[in-house]
Amino acid sequence: MKMGQFVVHVDAIGNHGCQRDRKDGETVVGCDQSQCTDCITREYVRRLKRGGTMMTAATITHWPGSDSEVRDDLLSGKRSGSF
């Protein structure tokens, strides 16, 4: 098996914004709803980590580039910005 850097990038449109009550700097753990796109993404990152993948960044960015951008860091669980 060869080891090397890779990037996974997904631009999506749809239902998003799990735990919108969490504010800037708070931890977002997810709701674990089976149809929650945020939690599906969190689980994907957890599975990569369990599989031995080392990650330098993993984020969900809601409304990227807008004044109301909210970013969830999937490695630390911290939210930047507020809904």
PDB file of N, CA and C in Angstrom:
ATOM      1  N   MET A   1       0.840  -1.173   0.000  1.00  0.00           N
ATOM      2  CA  MET A   1       0.000   0.000   0.000  1.00  0.00           C
ATOM      3  C   MET A   1       0.886   1.237   0.000  1.00  0.00           C
ATOM      4  N   LYS A   2       0.600   2.167  -0.893  1.00  0.00           N
ATOM      5  CA  LYS A   2       1.358   3.408  -0.959  1.00  0.00           C
ATOM      6  C   LYS A   2       0.695   4.459  -0.097  1.00  0.00           C
ATOM      7  N   MET A   3       1.536   5.299   0.492  1.00  0.00           N
ATOM      8  CA  MET A   3       1.025   6.354   1.345  1.00  0.00           C
ATOM      9  C   MET A   3       1.402   7.700   0.752  1.00  0.00           C
ATOM     10  N   GLY A   4       0.470   8.627   0.782  1.00  0.00           N
ATOM     11  CA  GLY A   4       0.733   9.965   0.283  1.00  0.00           C
ATOM     12  C   GLY A   4      -0.432  10.878   0.575  1.00  0.00           C
ATOM     13  N   GLN A   5      -0.227  12.136   0.332  1.00  0.00           N
ATOM     14  CA  GLN A   5      -1.253  13.138   0.601  1.00  0.00           C
ATOM     15  C   GLN A   5      -2.377  13.039  -0.414  1.00  0.00           C
ATOM     16  N   PHE A   6      -3.611  13.261   0.050  1.00  0.00           N
ATOM     17  CA  PHE A   6      -4.748  13.361  -0.838  1.00  0.00           C
ATOM     18  C   PHE A   6      -5.722  14.386  -0.283  1.00  0.00           C
ATOM     19  N   VAL A   7      -6.592  14.897  -1.149  1.00  0.00           N
ATOM     20  CA  VAL A   7      -7.574  15.912  -0.772  1.00  0.00           C
ATOM     21  C   VAL A   7      -8.948  15.427  -1.196  1.00  0.00           C
ATOM     22  N   VAL A   8      -9.914  15.546  -0.306  1.00  0.00           N
ATOM     23  CA  VAL A   8     -11.311  15.287  -0.622  1.00  0.00           C
ATOM     24  C   VAL A   8     -12.027  16.616  -0.499  1.00  0.00           C
ATOM     25  N   HIS A   9     -12.660  17.065  -1.563  1.00  0.00           N
ATOM     26  CA  HIS A   9     -13.362  18.350  -1.556  1.00  0.00           C
ATOM     27  C   HIS A   9     -14.759  18.126  -2.122  1.00  0.00           C
ATOM     28  N   VAL A  10     -15.782  18.511  -1.377  1.00  0.00           N
ATOM     29  CA  VAL A  10     -17.161  18.355  -1.813  1.00  0.00           C
ATOM     30  C   VAL A  10     -17.856  19.705  -1.693  1.00  0.00           C
ATOM     31  N   ASP A  11     -18.429  20.190  -2.774  1.00  0.00           N
ATOM     32  CA  ASP A  11     -19.302  21.365  -2.734  1.00  0.00           C
ATOM     33  C   ASP A  11     -20.720  20.837  -2.846  1.00  0.00           C
ATOM     34  N   ALA A  12     -21.552  21.166  -1.884  1.00  0.00           N
ATOM     35  CA  ALA A  12     -22.904  20.612  -1.879  1.00  0.00           C
ATOM     36  C   ALA A  12     -23.936  21.684  -1.577  1.00  0.00           C
ATOM     37  N   ILE A  13     -25.150  21.437  -2.019  1.00  0.00           N
ATOM     38  CA  ILE A  13     -26.283  22.300  -1.718  1.00  0.00           C
ATOM     39  C   ILE A  13     -27.378  21.413  -1.146  1.00  0.00           C
ATOM     40  N   GLY A  14     -27.909  21.809  -0.013  1.00  0.00           N
ATOM     41  CA  GLY A  14     -28.975  21.015   0.594  1.00  0.00           C
ATOM     42  C   GLY A  14     -29.108  21.362   2.058  1.00  0.00           C
ATOM     43  N   ASN A  15     -29.815  20.537   2.765  1.00  0.00           N
ATOM     44  CA  ASN A  15     -30.061  20.727   4.189  1.00  0.00           C
ATOM     45  C   ASN A  15     -28.742  20.609   4.948  1.00  0.00           C
ATOM     46  N   HIS A  16     -28.431  21.600   5.751  1.00  0.00           N
ATOM     47  CA  HIS A  16     -27.193  21.574   6.534  1.00  0.00           C
ATOM     48  C   HIS A  16     -27.356  22.494   7.726  1.00  0.00           C
ATOM     49  N   GLY A  17     -26.459  22.395   8.666  1.00  0.00           N
ATOM     50  CA  GLY A  17     -26.488  23.294   9.811  1.00  0.00           C
ATOM     51  C   GLY A  17     -26.960  22.614  11.073  1.00  0.00           C
ATOM     52  N   CYS A  18     -26.373  21.486  11.375  1.00  0.00           N
ATOM     53  CA  CYS A  18     -26.699  20.730  12.578  1.00  0.00           C
ATOM     54  C   CYS A  18     -26.380  21.553  13.830  1.00  0.00           C
ATOM     55  N   GLN A  19     -27.208  21.456  14.822  1.00  0.00           N
ATOM     56  CA  GLN A  19     -27.031  22.129  16.113  1.00  0.00           C
ATOM     57  C   GLN A  19     -26.810  23.632  15.942  1.00  0.00           C
ATOM     58  N   ARG A  20     -27.747  24.267  15.278  1.00  0.00           N
ATOM     59  CA  ARG A  20     -27.655  25.704  14.994  1.00  0.00           C
ATOM     60  C   ARG A  20     -27.680  26.557  16.250  1.00  0.00           C
ATOM     61  N   ASP A  21     -28.088  25.985  17.356  1.00  0.00           N
ATOM     62  CA  ASP A  21     -28.109  26.730  18.615  1.00  0.00           C
ATOM     63  C   ASP A  21     -26.709  26.966  19.168  1.00  0.00           C
ATOM     64  N   ARG A  22     -25.711  26.198  18.701  1.00  0.00           N
ATOM     65  CA  ARG A  22     -24.334  26.371  19.158  1.00  0.00           C
ATOM     66  C   ARG A  22     -23.756  27.632  18.539  1.00  0.00           C
ATOM     67  N   LYS A  23     -23.068  28.400  19.341  1.00  0.00           N
ATOM     68  CA  LYS A  23     -22.546  29.700  18.913  1.00  0.00           C
ATOM     69  C   LYS A  23     -21.034  29.643  18.660  1.00  0.00           C
ATOM     70  N   ASP A  24     -20.498  30.762  18.214  1.00  0.00           N
ATOM     71  CA  ASP A  24     -19.080  30.902  17.930  1.00  0.00           C
ATOM     72  C   ASP A  24     -18.235  30.436  19.110  1.00  0.00           C
ATOM     73  N   GLY A  25     -17.288  29.529  18.857  1.00  0.00           N
ATOM     74  CA  GLY A  25     -16.388  29.027  19.893  1.00  0.00           C
ATOM     75  C   GLY A  25     -16.912  27.836  20.652  1.00  0.00           C
ATOM     76  N   GLU A  26     -18.184  27.494  20.481  1.00  0.00           N
ATOM     77  CA  GLU A  26     -18.746  26.343  21.186  1.00  0.00           C
ATOM     78  C   GLU A  26     -18.451  25.053  20.414  1.00  0.00           C
ATOM     79  N   THR A  27     -18.550  23.941  21.113  1.00  0.00           N
ATOM     80  CA  THR A  27     -18.307  22.633  20.523  1.00  0.00           C
ATOM     81  C   THR A  27     -19.589  22.081  19.911  1.00  0.00           C
ATOM     82  N   VAL A  28     -19.473  21.552  18.708  1.00  0.00           N
ATOM     83  CA  VAL A  28     -20.590  20.920  18.008  1.00  0.00           C
ATOM     84  C   VAL A  28     -20.269  19.430  17.895  1.00  0.00           C
ATOM     85  N   VAL A  29     -21.072  18.595  18.516  1.00  0.00           N
ATOM     86  CA  VAL A  29     -20.825  17.152  18.461  1.00  0.00           C
ATOM     87  C   VAL A  29     -21.718  16.460  17.444  1.00  0.00           C
ATOM     88  N   GLY A  30     -22.794  17.109  17.041  1.00  0.00           N
ATOM     89  CA  GLY A  30     -23.706  16.540  16.065  1.00  0.00           C
ATOM     90  C   GLY A  30     -24.952  15.980  16.715  1.00  0.00           C
ATOM     91  N   CYS A  31     -25.966  15.778  15.892  1.00  0.00           N
ATOM     92  CA  CYS A  31     -27.256  15.301  16.381  1.00  0.00           C
ATOM     93  C   CYS A  31     -27.432  13.800  16.165  1.00  0.00           C
ATOM     94  N   ASP A  32     -26.586  13.195  15.332  1.00  0.00           N
ATOM     95  CA  ASP A  32     -26.628  11.763  15.001  1.00  0.00           C
ATOM     96  C   ASP A  32     -27.912  11.319  14.311  1.00  0.00           C
ATOM     97  N   GLN A  33     -28.628  12.251  13.698  1.00  0.00           N
ATOM     98  CA  GLN A  33     -29.790  11.885  12.879  1.00  0.00           C
ATOM     99  C   GLN A  33     -29.262  11.224  11.604  1.00  0.00           C
ATOM    100  N   SER A  34     -29.868  10.133  11.186  1.00  0.00           N
ATOM    101  CA  SER A  34     -29.356   9.366  10.049  1.00  0.00           C
ATOM    102  C   SER A  34     -29.370  10.148   8.734  1.00  0.00           C
ATOM    103  N   GLN A  35     -30.224  11.148   8.608  1.00  0.00           N
ATOM    104  CA  GLN A  35     -30.305  11.928   7.372  1.00  0.00           C
ATOM    105  C   GLN A  35     -29.620  13.287   7.470  1.00  0.00           C
ATOM    106  N   CYS A  36     -28.942  13.552   8.577  1.00  0.00           N
ATOM    107  CA  CYS A  36     -28.271  14.844   8.775  1.00  0.00           C
ATOM    108  C   CYS A  36     -26.966  14.856   7.971  1.00  0.00           C
ATOM    109  N   THR A  37     -26.887  15.751   6.994  1.00  0.00           N
ATOM    110  CA  THR A  37     -25.690  15.795   6.147  1.00  0.00           C
ATOM    111  C   THR A  37     -24.440  16.161   6.939  1.00  0.00           C
ATOM    112  N   ASP A  38     -24.582  17.016   7.953  1.00  0.00           N
ATOM    113  CA  ASP A  38     -23.437  17.365   8.785  1.00  0.00           C
ATOM    114  C   ASP A  38     -22.928  16.137   9.538  1.00  0.00           C
ATOM    115  N   CYS A  39     -23.830  15.358  10.118  1.00  0.00           N
ATOM    116  CA  CYS A  39     -23.427  14.176  10.886  1.00  0.00           C
ATOM    117  C   CYS A  39     -22.891  13.069   9.990  1.00  0.00           C
ATOM    118  N   ILE A  40     -23.421  12.953   8.779  1.00  0.00           N
ATOM    119  CA  ILE A  40     -22.874  11.991   7.816  1.00  0.00           C
ATOM    120  C   ILE A  40     -21.418  12.354   7.523  1.00  0.00           C
ATOM    121  N   THR A  41     -21.148  13.648   7.368  1.00  0.00           N
ATOM    122  CA  THR A  41     -19.790  14.119   7.105  1.00  0.00           C
ATOM    123  C   THR A  41     -18.896  13.899   8.317  1.00  0.00           C
ATOM    124  N   ARG A  42     -19.415  14.190   9.523  1.00  0.00           N
ATOM    125  CA  ARG A  42     -18.639  13.944  10.747  1.00  0.00           C
ATOM    126  C   ARG A  42     -18.264  12.466  10.865  1.00  0.00           C
ATOM    127  N   GLU A  43     -19.205  11.583  10.557  1.00  0.00           N
ATOM    128  CA  GLU A  43     -18.928  10.147  10.645  1.00  0.00           C
ATOM    129  C   GLU A  43     -17.874   9.734   9.623  1.00  0.00           C
ATOM    130  N   TYR A  44     -17.917  10.295   8.423  1.00  0.00           N
ATOM    131  CA  TYR A  44     -16.911  10.005   7.406  1.00  0.00           C
ATOM    132  C   TYR A  44     -15.513  10.368   7.923  1.00  0.00           C
ATOM    133  N   VAL A  45     -15.387  11.551   8.526  1.00  0.00           N
ATOM    134  CA  VAL A  45     -14.102  11.986   9.079  1.00  0.00           C
ATOM    135  C   VAL A  45     -13.673  11.044  10.204  1.00  0.00           C
ATOM    136  N   ARG A  46     -14.596  10.659  11.082  1.00  0.00           N
ATOM    137  CA  ARG A  46     -14.263   9.719  12.171  1.00  0.00           C
ATOM    138  C   ARG A  46     -13.774   8.383  11.613  1.00  0.00           C
ATOM    139  N   ARG A  47     -14.419   7.900  10.545  1.00  0.00           N
ATOM    140  CA  ARG A  47     -14.013   6.625   9.941  1.00  0.00           C
ATOM    141  C   ARG A  47     -12.632   6.729   9.314  1.00  0.00           C
ATOM    142  N   LEU A  48     -12.346   7.845   8.669  1.00  0.00           N
ATOM    143  CA  LEU A  48     -10.999   8.042   8.117  1.00  0.00           C
ATOM    144  C   LEU A  48      -9.953   7.992   9.229  1.00  0.00           C
ATOM    145  N   LYS A  49     -10.237   8.677  10.339  1.00  0.00           N
ATOM    146  CA  LYS A  49      -9.306   8.676  11.464  1.00  0.00           C
ATOM    147  C   LYS A  49      -9.119   7.271  12.021  1.00  0.00           C
ATOM    148  N   ARG A  50     -10.219   6.531  12.189  1.00  0.00           N
ATOM    149  CA  ARG A  50     -10.125   5.149  12.686  1.00  0.00           C
ATOM    150  C   ARG A  50      -9.314   4.269  11.747  1.00  0.00           C
ATOM    151  N   GLY A  51      -9.364   4.589  10.451  1.00  0.00           N
ATOM    152  CA  GLY A  51      -8.616   3.830   9.458  1.00  0.00           C
ATOM    153  C   GLY A  51      -7.148   4.203   9.384  1.00  0.00           C
ATOM    154  N   GLY A  52      -6.720   5.148  10.224  1.00  0.00           N
ATOM    155  CA  GLY A  52      -5.306   5.503  10.271  1.00  0.00           C
ATOM    156  C   GLY A  52      -4.922   6.710   9.440  1.00  0.00           C
ATOM    157  N   THR A  53      -5.906   7.403   8.889  1.00  0.00           N
ATOM    158  CA  THR A  53      -5.599   8.587   8.095  1.00  0.00           C
ATOM    159  C   THR A  53      -5.260   9.758   9.013  1.00  0.00           C
ATOM    160  N   MET A  54      -4.138  10.389   8.760  1.00  0.00           N
ATOM    161  CA  MET A  54      -3.762  11.586   9.511  1.00  0.00           C
ATOM    162  C   MET A  54      -4.324  12.787   8.768  1.00  0.00           C
ATOM    163  N   MET A  55      -4.989  13.676   9.477  1.00  0.00           N
ATOM    164  CA  MET A  55      -5.622  14.827   8.841  1.00  0.00           C
ATOM    165  C   MET A  55      -5.081  16.124   9.409  1.00  0.00           C
ATOM    166  N   THR A  56      -4.861  17.076   8.518  1.00  0.00           N
ATOM    167  CA  THR A  56      -4.435  18.399   8.947  1.00  0.00           C
ATOM    168  C   THR A  56      -5.611  19.360   9.005  1.00  0.00           C
ATOM    169  N   ALA A  57      -6.693  19.049   8.288  1.00  0.00           N
ATOM    170  CA  ALA A  57      -7.879  19.896   8.300  1.00  0.00           C
ATOM    171  C   ALA A  57      -9.090  19.095   7.855  1.00  0.00           C
ATOM    172  N   ALA A  58     -10.220  19.371   8.467  1.00  0.00           N
ATOM    173  CA  ALA A  58     -11.503  18.810   8.062  1.00  0.00           C
ATOM    174  C   ALA A  58     -12.571  19.777   8.558  1.00  0.00           C
ATOM    175  N   THR A  59     -13.269  20.417   7.640  1.00  0.00           N
ATOM    176  CA  THR A  59     -14.247  21.426   8.030  1.00  0.00           C
ATOM    177  C   THR A  59     -15.523  21.307   7.207  1.00  0.00           C
ATOM    178  N   ILE A  60     -16.600  21.801   7.776  1.00  0.00           N
ATOM    179  CA  ILE A  60     -17.830  22.072   7.036  1.00  0.00           C
ATOM    180  C   ILE A  60     -17.974  23.591   7.064  1.00  0.00           C
ATOM    181  N   THR A  61     -18.084  24.201   5.900  1.00  0.00           N
ATOM    182  CA  THR A  61     -18.268  25.649   5.811  1.00  0.00           C
ATOM    183  C   THR A  61     -19.656  25.916   5.263  1.00  0.00           C
ATOM    184  N   HIS A  62     -20.476  26.561   6.069  1.00  0.00           N
ATOM    185  CA  HIS A  62     -21.833  26.913   5.690  1.00  0.00           C
ATOM    186  C   HIS A  62     -21.817  28.308   5.078  1.00  0.00           C
ATOM    187  N   TRP A  63     -22.396  28.474   3.914  1.00  0.00           N
ATOM    188  CA  TRP A  63     -22.446  29.736   3.181  1.00  0.00           C
ATOM    189  C   TRP A  63     -21.051  30.321   2.978  1.00  0.00           C
ATOM    190  N   PRO A  64     -20.146  29.538   2.365  1.00  0.00           N
ATOM    191  CA  PRO A  64     -18.763  29.996   2.196  1.00  0.00           C
ATOM    192  C   PRO A  64     -18.673  31.317   1.426  1.00  0.00           C
ATOM    193  N   GLY A  65     -17.802  32.183   1.921  1.00  0.00           N
ATOM    194  CA  GLY A  65     -17.552  33.455   1.272  1.00  0.00           C
ATOM    195  C   GLY A  65     -18.581  34.536   1.551  1.00  0.00           C
ATOM    196  N   SER A  66     -19.617  34.217   2.305  1.00  0.00           N
ATOM    197  CA  SER A  66     -20.639  35.219   2.606  1.00  0.00           C
ATOM    198  C   SER A  66     -20.359  35.872   3.961  1.00  0.00           C
ATOM    199  N   ASP A  67     -21.076  36.945   4.250  1.00  0.00           N
ATOM    200  CA  ASP A  67     -20.922  37.621   5.540  1.00  0.00           C
ATOM    201  C   ASP A  67     -21.415  36.750   6.697  1.00  0.00           C
ATOM    202  N   SER A  68     -22.264  35.782   6.392  1.00  0.00           N
ATOM    203  CA  SER A  68     -22.816  34.921   7.447  1.00  0.00           C
ATOM    204  C   SER A  68     -22.161  33.543   7.482  1.00  0.00           C
ATOM    205  N   GLU A  69     -20.923  33.432   6.958  1.00  0.00           N
ATOM    206  CA  GLU A  69     -20.215  32.152   6.929  1.00  0.00           C
ATOM    207  C   GLU A  69     -20.063  31.576   8.336  1.00  0.00           C
ATOM    208  N   VAL A  70     -20.344  30.289   8.455  1.00  0.00           N
ATOM    209  CA  VAL A  70     -20.158  29.541   9.699  1.00  0.00           C
ATOM    210  C   VAL A  70     -19.295  28.344   9.358  1.00  0.00           C
ATOM    211  N   ARG A  71     -18.268  28.087  10.163  1.00  0.00           N
ATOM    212  CA  ARG A  71     -17.360  26.979   9.885  1.00  0.00           C
ATOM    213  C   ARG A  71     -17.289  26.054  11.090  1.00  0.00           C
ATOM    214  N   ASP A  72     -17.510  24.768  10.834  1.00  0.00           N
ATOM    215  CA  ASP A  72     -17.370  23.743  11.864  1.00  0.00           C
ATOM    216  C   ASP A  72     -16.076  22.983  11.617  1.00  0.00           C
ATOM    217  N   ASP A  73     -15.165  23.020  12.583  1.00  0.00           N
ATOM    218  CA  ASP A  73     -13.915  22.280  12.511  1.00  0.00           C
ATOM    219  C   ASP A  73     -14.207  20.859  12.976  1.00  0.00           C
ATOM    220  N   LEU A  74     -14.108  19.901  12.084  1.00  0.00           N
ATOM    221  CA  LEU A  74     -14.473  18.521  12.399  1.00  0.00           C
ATOM    222  C   LEU A  74     -13.400  17.787  13.195  1.00  0.00           C
ATOM    223  N   LEU A  75     -12.217  18.382  13.340  1.00  0.00           N
ATOM    224  CA  LEU A  75     -11.177  17.755  14.152  1.00  0.00           C
ATOM    225  C   LEU A  75     -11.259  18.215  15.602  1.00  0.00           C
ATOM    226  N   SER A  76     -11.509  19.491  15.820  1.00  0.00           N
ATOM    227  CA  SER A  76     -11.601  20.015  17.196  1.00  0.00           C
ATOM    228  C   SER A  76     -13.041  20.076  17.699  1.00  0.00           C
ATOM    229  N   GLY A  77     -13.999  20.093  16.768  1.00  0.00           N
ATOM    230  CA  GLY A  77     -15.411  20.217  17.133  1.00  0.00           C
ATOM    231  C   GLY A  77     -15.861  21.649  17.340  1.00  0.00           C
ATOM    232  N   LYS A  78     -14.966  22.621  17.181  1.00  0.00           N
ATOM    233  CA  LYS A  78     -15.289  24.026  17.456  1.00  0.00           C
ATOM    234  C   LYS A  78     -15.979  24.685  16.267  1.00  0.00           C
ATOM    235  N   ARG A  79     -16.935  25.538  16.582  1.00  0.00           N
ATOM    236  CA  ARG A  79     -17.649  26.319  15.576  1.00  0.00           C
ATOM    237  C   ARG A  79     -17.085  27.732  15.542  1.00  0.00           C
ATOM    238  N   SER A  80     -16.895  28.252  14.323  1.00  0.00           N
ATOM    239  CA  SER A  80     -16.515  29.649  14.121  1.00  0.00           C
ATOM    240  C   SER A  80     -17.666  30.337  13.420  1.00  0.00           C
ATOM    241  N   GLY A  81     -18.213  31.360  14.060  1.00  0.00           N
ATOM    242  CA  GLY A  81     -19.388  32.034  13.525  1.00  0.00           C
ATOM    243  C   GLY A  81     -20.646  31.491  14.181  1.00  0.00           C
ATOM    244  N   SER A  82     -21.748  32.111  13.903  1.00  0.00           N
ATOM    245  CA  SER A  82     -23.026  31.701  14.485  1.00  0.00           C
ATOM    246  C   SER A  82     -24.119  31.775  13.439  1.00  0.00           C
ATOM    247  N   PHE A  83     -25.065  30.880  13.522  1.00  0.00           N
ATOM    248  CA  PHE A  83     -26.222  30.893  12.612  1.00  0.00           C
ATOM    249  C   PHE A  83     -27.155  32.008  12.997  1.00  0.00           C
TER     250      PHE A  83
END
